[in-house]
Amino acid sequence: MMDKDQVKGKVNETAGKATGDDSQELKGKVQQEAGKLKEKAEDLKDNVAGEINKLFDKKDKDDKK
């Protein structure tokens, strides 16, 4: 799924290519990469939270034995 930074970046990149504005094209590429990094960070955060919850659930089960 694309986030708003990726969409804005694609628009800027396309506009830059269409107008020959290298600066705008580069800005768009950077925005797209920033959006991808945000997505990866969010996925990582969710994965870490899930693993921590599993550890706590396991500890709770072990404590009840």
Protein backbone atom coordinates (compact mmCIF):
# COMPACT_ATOMS: atom_id res chain seq x y z
CA MET A 1 0.00 0.00 0.00
CA MET A 2 1.35 3.43 -0.87
CA ASP A 3 1.31 6.12 1.75
CA LYS A 4 0.77 9.81 1.04
CA ASP A 5 4.51 10.52 0.78
CA GLN A 6 4.86 7.89 -1.92
CA VAL A 7 1.89 9.29 -3.85
CA LYS A 8 3.13 12.87 -3.56
CA GLY A 9 6.58 11.70 -4.56
CA LYS A 10 5.30 9.93 -7.66
CA VAL A 11 3.38 13.08 -8.67
CA ASN A 12 6.48 15.25 -8.17
CA GLU A 13 8.70 12.81 -10.03
CA THR A 14 6.30 12.62 -12.97
CA ALA A 15 5.83 16.40 -13.06
CA GLY A 16 9.58 16.89 -12.93
CA LYS A 17 10.11 14.49 -15.82
CA ALA A 18 7.35 16.14 -17.86
CA THR A 19 8.71 19.64 -17.35
CA GLY A 20 12.40 18.76 -17.43
CA ASP A 21 12.81 19.94 -13.82
CA ASP A 22 15.52 17.67 -12.43
CA SER A 23 15.16 19.15 -8.95
CA GLN A 24 11.44 18.35 -8.76
CA GLU A 25 12.05 14.87 -10.17
CA LEU A 26 14.69 14.20 -7.51
CA LYS A 27 12.41 15.58 -4.78
CA GLY A 28 9.76 13.11 -5.91
CA LYS A 29 12.15 10.18 -5.78
CA VAL A 30 13.28 11.17 -2.29
CA GLN A 31 9.65 11.47 -1.12
CA GLN A 32 8.88 8.02 -2.45
CA GLU A 33 11.84 6.48 -0.64
CA ALA A 34 10.87 8.27 2.58
CA GLY A 35 7.39 6.80 2.27
CA LYS A 36 8.80 3.31 1.76
CA LEU A 37 11.01 3.69 4.83
CA LYS A 38 8.04 4.82 6.92
CA GLU A 39 6.12 1.72 5.82
CA LYS A 40 9.04 -0.55 6.72
CA ALA A 41 9.42 1.12 10.11
CA GLU A 42 5.71 0.66 10.81
CA ASP A 43 5.89 -3.02 9.81
CA LEU A 44 8.93 -3.52 12.03
CA LYS A 45 7.18 -1.84 14.96
CA ASP A 46 4.15 -4.11 14.51
CA ASN A 47 6.33 -7.23 14.29
CA VAL A 48 8.30 -6.33 17.41
CA ALA A 49 5.11 -5.59 19.35
CA GLY A 50 3.67 -8.93 18.27
CA GLU A 51 6.78 -10.83 19.37
CA ILE A 52 6.85 -9.05 22.73
CA ASN A 53 3.19 -9.88 23.29
CA LYS A 54 3.93 -13.55 22.52
CA LEU A 55 6.72 -13.53 25.11
CA PHE A 56 4.43 -12.03 27.76
CA ASP A 57 1.68 -14.52 26.92
CA LYS A 58 4.16 -17.40 27.25
CA LYS A 59 5.45 -16.01 30.56
CA ASP A 60 1.88 -15.71 31.87
CA LYS A 61 1.19 -19.35 30.94
CA ASP A 62 4.44 -20.49 32.58
CA ASP A 63 3.63 -18.54 35.76
CA LYS A 64 0.24 -20.29 36.05
CA LYS A 65 1.85 -23.75 36.06
